[in-house]
Amino acid sequence: MLFYGKYEHSLDNKYRVRIPARLKAELGAEAPSIAKGEDGSLVIYPASTINTIGEKIKTLGVPKAKHKNLMVFMSSIYPIDEDSQGRFTLNATLRAHAGISKDIVFVGFNDRIMLWDKARWEAYEANSNNDEEFDLSDYGI
């Protein structure tokens, strides 16, 4: 699965939103999860990715020094429970982490979907190196 594209949406007055149809189609039938991400973003993971993370933790173990970070990360993962209209509620903890109040942006990024407050995304995007030409060969493609 490959997620890409940018989709702007708004939370309703009960903090609910739908995952954009094009992104949702790639998620598969199993319920995805959402967690805190980097730089004040949120991350939507397909169920298969959450299962892979769990299996790798069981198989590889976690060095003692990394237990605290892993526990904090795992505690920030919430299953996405959609209502009959395909909406899910963005809880207060995640909204606070991402600074989300109303307008949001879904960004497909490889094997995950990033969710940003619109103003925060615009600042992040503006701080990227847009003047430099993007070259896929830098990534061996």
C-alpha atoms as a PDB file:
ATOM      1  CA  MET A   1       0.000   0.000   0.000  1.00  0.00           C
ATOM      2  CA  LEU A   2       1.166   3.453  -0.863  1.00  0.00           C
ATOM      3  CA  PHE A   3      -0.452   6.613   0.448  1.00  0.00           C
ATOM      4  CA  TYR A   4       0.030   9.930  -1.316  1.00  0.00           C
ATOM      5  CA  GLY A   5      -1.730  13.232  -1.888  1.00  0.00           C
ATOM      6  CA  LYS A   6      -3.007  16.076   0.282  1.00  0.00           C
ATOM      7  CA  TYR A   7      -6.655  16.454   1.343  1.00  0.00           C
ATOM      8  CA  GLU A   8      -8.097  19.363   3.296  1.00  0.00           C
ATOM      9  CA  HIS A   9     -11.036  18.819   5.655  1.00  0.00           C
ATOM     10  CA  SER A  10     -12.596  20.328   8.765  1.00  0.00           C
ATOM     11  CA  LEU A  11     -13.664  18.783  12.038  1.00  0.00           C
ATOM     12  CA  ASP A  12     -17.349  19.114  12.806  1.00  0.00           C
ATOM     13  CA  ASN A  13     -18.563  20.611  16.099  1.00  0.00           C
ATOM     14  CA  LYS A  14     -18.157  17.202  17.806  1.00  0.00           C
ATOM     15  CA  TYR A  15     -14.551  16.844  16.550  1.00  0.00           C
ATOM     16  CA  ARG A  16     -15.477  14.202  13.977  1.00  0.00           C
ATOM     17  CA  VAL A  17     -14.009  13.736  10.510  1.00  0.00           C
ATOM     18  CA  ARG A  18     -13.947  11.182   7.700  1.00  0.00           C
ATOM     19  CA  ILE A  19     -10.754   9.783   6.242  1.00  0.00           C
ATOM     20  CA  PRO A  20     -10.686  10.885   2.582  1.00  0.00           C
ATOM     21  CA  ALA A  21     -12.108   8.169   0.313  1.00  0.00           C
ATOM     22  CA  ARG A  22      -8.938   7.716  -1.749  1.00  0.00           C
ATOM     23  CA  LEU A  23      -6.845   7.180   1.361  1.00  0.00           C
ATOM     24  CA  LYS A  24      -9.469   5.032   3.052  1.00  0.00           C
ATOM     25  CA  ALA A  25      -9.570   2.668   0.086  1.00  0.00           C
ATOM     26  CA  GLU A  26      -5.881   1.905   0.636  1.00  0.00           C
ATOM     27  CA  LEU A  27      -6.326   1.244   4.369  1.00  0.00           C
ATOM     28  CA  GLY A  28      -8.162  -2.035   3.842  1.00  0.00           C
ATOM     29  CA  ALA A  29     -11.108  -3.497   5.707  1.00  0.00           C
ATOM     30  CA  GLU A  30      -9.565  -3.666   9.180  1.00  0.00           C
ATOM     31  CA  ALA A  31      -9.878  -0.619  11.436  1.00  0.00           C
ATOM     32  CA  PRO A  32      -6.794   1.605  11.378  1.00  0.00           C
ATOM     33  CA  SER A  33      -5.255   3.336  14.392  1.00  0.00           C
ATOM     34  CA  ILE A  34      -4.105   6.884  15.030  1.00  0.00           C
ATOM     35  CA  ALA A  35      -1.160   8.039  17.139  1.00  0.00           C
ATOM     36  CA  LYS A  36       0.975  11.052  17.950  1.00  0.00           C
ATOM     37  CA  GLY A  37       3.529  11.773  15.254  1.00  0.00           C
ATOM     38  CA  GLU A  38       6.569  13.941  14.737  1.00  0.00           C
ATOM     39  CA  ASP A  39       6.601  17.722  14.544  1.00  0.00           C
ATOM     40  CA  GLY A  40       3.112  18.067  16.008  1.00  0.00           C
ATOM     41  CA  SER A  41       1.459  15.737  13.514  1.00  0.00           C
ATOM     42  CA  LEU A  42      -0.741  12.686  13.957  1.00  0.00           C
ATOM     43  CA  VAL A  43      -0.231   9.404  12.134  1.00  0.00           C
ATOM     44  CA  ILE A  44      -2.899   7.012  10.882  1.00  0.00           C
ATOM     45  CA  TYR A  45      -1.552   3.484  10.602  1.00  0.00           C
ATOM     46  CA  PRO A  46      -3.237   0.631   8.746  1.00  0.00           C
ATOM     47  CA  ALA A  47      -4.108  -2.322  11.003  1.00  0.00           C
ATOM     48  CA  SER A  48      -1.431  -4.387   9.255  1.00  0.00           C
ATOM     49  CA  THR A  49       1.256  -1.880  10.283  1.00  0.00           C
ATOM     50  CA  ILE A  50       0.148  -1.931  13.931  1.00  0.00           C
ATOM     51  CA  ASN A  51       0.254  -5.745  13.818  1.00  0.00           C
ATOM     52  CA  THR A  52       3.759  -5.634  12.302  1.00  0.00           C
ATOM     53  CA  ILE A  53       4.954  -3.244  15.012  1.00  0.00           C
ATOM     54  CA  GLY A  54       3.594  -5.595  17.682  1.00  0.00           C
ATOM     55  CA  GLU A  55       5.218  -8.665  16.118  1.00  0.00           C
ATOM     56  CA  LYS A  56       8.591  -6.933  15.776  1.00  0.00           C
ATOM     57  CA  ILE A  57       8.483  -5.853  19.408  1.00  0.00           C
ATOM     58  CA  LYS A  58       7.728  -9.436  20.479  1.00  0.00           C
ATOM     59  CA  THR A  59      10.376 -10.925  18.204  1.00  0.00           C
ATOM     60  CA  LEU A  60      13.199  -8.434  18.659  1.00  0.00           C
ATOM     61  CA  GLY A  61      12.459  -7.293  22.165  1.00  0.00           C
ATOM     62  CA  VAL A  62      13.073  -3.788  23.401  1.00  0.00           C
ATOM     63  CA  PRO A  63      16.341  -2.649  24.961  1.00  0.00           C
ATOM     64  CA  LYS A  64      15.806  -1.541  28.560  1.00  0.00           C
ATOM     65  CA  ALA A  65      16.897   2.003  27.690  1.00  0.00           C
ATOM     66  CA  LYS A  66      14.084   2.260  25.121  1.00  0.00           C
ATOM     67  CA  HIS A  67      11.222   0.916  27.306  1.00  0.00           C
ATOM     68  CA  LYS A  68      10.032   4.346  28.396  1.00  0.00           C
ATOM     69  CA  ASN A  69       9.927   5.772  24.854  1.00  0.00           C
ATOM     70  CA  LEU A  70       8.136   2.709  23.533  1.00  0.00           C
ATOM     71  CA  MET A  71       5.600   2.798  26.369  1.00  0.00           C
ATOM     72  CA  VAL A  72       4.862   6.470  25.675  1.00  0.00           C
ATOM     73  CA  PHE A  73       4.481   5.756  21.952  1.00  0.00           C
ATOM     74  CA  MET A  74       2.224   2.727  22.529  1.00  0.00           C
ATOM     75  CA  SER A  75       0.061   4.723  24.942  1.00  0.00           C
ATOM     76  CA  SER A  76      -0.584   7.301  22.229  1.00  0.00           C
ATOM     77  CA  ILE A  77      -2.122   4.792  19.795  1.00  0.00           C
ATOM     78  CA  TYR A  78      -5.912   4.799  19.585  1.00  0.00           C
ATOM     79  CA  PRO A  79      -8.085   2.602  17.368  1.00  0.00           C
ATOM     80  CA  ILE A  80     -10.193   4.536  14.886  1.00  0.00           C
ATOM     81  CA  ASP A  81     -13.807   3.644  15.597  1.00  0.00           C
ATOM     82  CA  GLU A  82     -16.011   4.956  12.812  1.00  0.00           C
ATOM     83  CA  ASP A  83     -19.680   5.712  13.233  1.00  0.00           C
ATOM     84  CA  SER A  84     -22.363   4.655  10.739  1.00  0.00           C
ATOM     85  CA  GLN A  85     -21.454   7.626   8.526  1.00  0.00           C
ATOM     86  CA  GLY A  86     -17.752   6.760   8.409  1.00  0.00           C
ATOM     87  CA  ARG A  87     -16.655   9.503  10.814  1.00  0.00           C
ATOM     88  CA  PHE A  88     -14.325   9.121  13.755  1.00  0.00           C
ATOM     89  CA  THR A  89     -13.844  11.424  16.723  1.00  0.00           C
ATOM     90  CA  LEU A  90     -10.444  12.986  17.205  1.00  0.00           C
ATOM     91  CA  ASN A  91      -9.924  12.840  20.974  1.00  0.00           C
ATOM     92  CA  ALA A  92      -8.696  15.752  23.095  1.00  0.00           C
ATOM     93  CA  THR A  93      -5.245  14.248  23.705  1.00  0.00           C
ATOM     94  CA  LEU A  94      -4.504  13.939  20.008  1.00  0.00           C
ATOM     95  CA  ARG A  95      -6.044  17.315  19.166  1.00  0.00           C
ATOM     96  CA  ALA A  96      -3.854  18.974  21.804  1.00  0.00           C
ATOM     97  CA  HIS A  97      -0.686  17.261  20.537  1.00  0.00           C
ATOM     98  CA  ALA A  98      -1.375  18.397  16.966  1.00  0.00           C
ATOM     99  CA  GLY A  99      -2.787  21.827  17.849  1.00  0.00           C
ATOM    100  CA  ILE A 100      -5.952  20.991  15.929  1.00  0.00           C
ATOM    101  CA  SER A 101      -9.066  23.072  16.415  1.00  0.00           C
ATOM    102  CA  LYS A 102     -10.986  22.945  13.120  1.00  0.00           C
ATOM    103  CA  ASP A 103      -9.171  22.824   9.771  1.00  0.00           C
ATOM    104  CA  ILE A 104      -6.985  19.812   9.059  1.00  0.00           C
ATOM    105  CA  VAL A 105      -4.923  18.316   6.261  1.00  0.00           C
ATOM    106  CA  PHE A 106      -4.513  14.607   5.537  1.00  0.00           C
ATOM    107  CA  VAL A 107      -1.173  13.890   3.842  1.00  0.00           C
ATOM    108  CA  GLY A 108      -0.432  10.495   2.319  1.00  0.00           C
ATOM    109  CA  PHE A 109       3.155   9.578   3.099  1.00  0.00           C
ATOM    110  CA  ASN A 110       4.398   6.215   1.903  1.00  0.00           C
ATOM    111  CA  ASP A 111       2.969   3.559   4.265  1.00  0.00           C
ATOM    112  CA  ARG A 112       1.017   5.929   6.521  1.00  0.00           C
ATOM    113  CA  ILE A 113      -1.302   8.899   6.552  1.00  0.00           C
ATOM    114  CA  MET A 114      -0.230  12.033   8.356  1.00  0.00           C
ATOM    115  CA  LEU A 115      -2.855  14.334   9.876  1.00  0.00           C
ATOM    116  CA  TRP A 116      -1.962  17.977  10.510  1.00  0.00           C
ATOM    117  CA  ASP A 117      -3.581  21.145  11.715  1.00  0.00           C
ATOM    118  CA  LYS A 118      -3.898  23.142   8.483  1.00  0.00           C
ATOM    119  CA  ALA A 119      -1.896  26.169   9.690  1.00  0.00           C
ATOM    120  CA  ARG A 120       0.810  23.917  11.155  1.00  0.00           C
ATOM    121  CA  TRP A 121       1.021  21.972   7.868  1.00  0.00           C
ATOM    122  CA  GLU A 122       1.304  25.200   5.860  1.00  0.00           C
ATOM    123  CA  ALA A 123       4.180  26.364   8.082  1.00  0.00           C
ATOM    124  CA  TYR A 124       5.864  22.945   7.830  1.00  0.00           C
ATOM    125  CA  GLU A 125       5.435  22.927   4.063  1.00  0.00           C
ATOM    126  CA  ALA A 126       6.756  26.502   3.768  1.00  0.00           C
ATOM    127  CA  ASN A 127       9.868  25.514   5.732  1.00  0.00           C
ATOM    128  CA  SER A 128      10.646  22.641   3.381  1.00  0.00           C
ATOM    129  CA  ASN A 129      13.296  23.199   0.773  1.00  0.00           C
ATOM    130  CA  ASN A 130      10.904  24.056  -2.072  1.00  0.00           C
ATOM    131  CA  ASP A 131      13.593  25.934  -3.982  1.00  0.00           C
ATOM    132  CA  GLU A 132      15.603  22.770  -4.467  1.00  0.00           C
ATOM    133  CA  GLU A 133      14.439  20.429  -7.221  1.00  0.00           C
ATOM    134  CA  PHE A 134      13.141  17.142  -5.865  1.00  0.00           C
ATOM    135  CA  ASP A 135      14.915  14.199  -7.445  1.00  0.00           C
ATOM    136  CA  LEU A 136      13.680  10.632  -6.917  1.00  0.00           C
ATOM    137  CA  SER A 137      17.132   9.339  -7.819  1.00  0.00           C
ATOM    138  CA  ASP A 138      18.260  10.623  -4.410  1.00  0.00           C
ATOM    139  CA  TYR A 139      16.174   7.727  -3.072  1.00  0.00           C
ATOM    140  CA  GLY A 140      17.436   5.107  -5.514  1.00  0.00           C
ATOM    141  CA  ILE A 141      14.305   5.342  -7.669  1.00  0.00           C
END
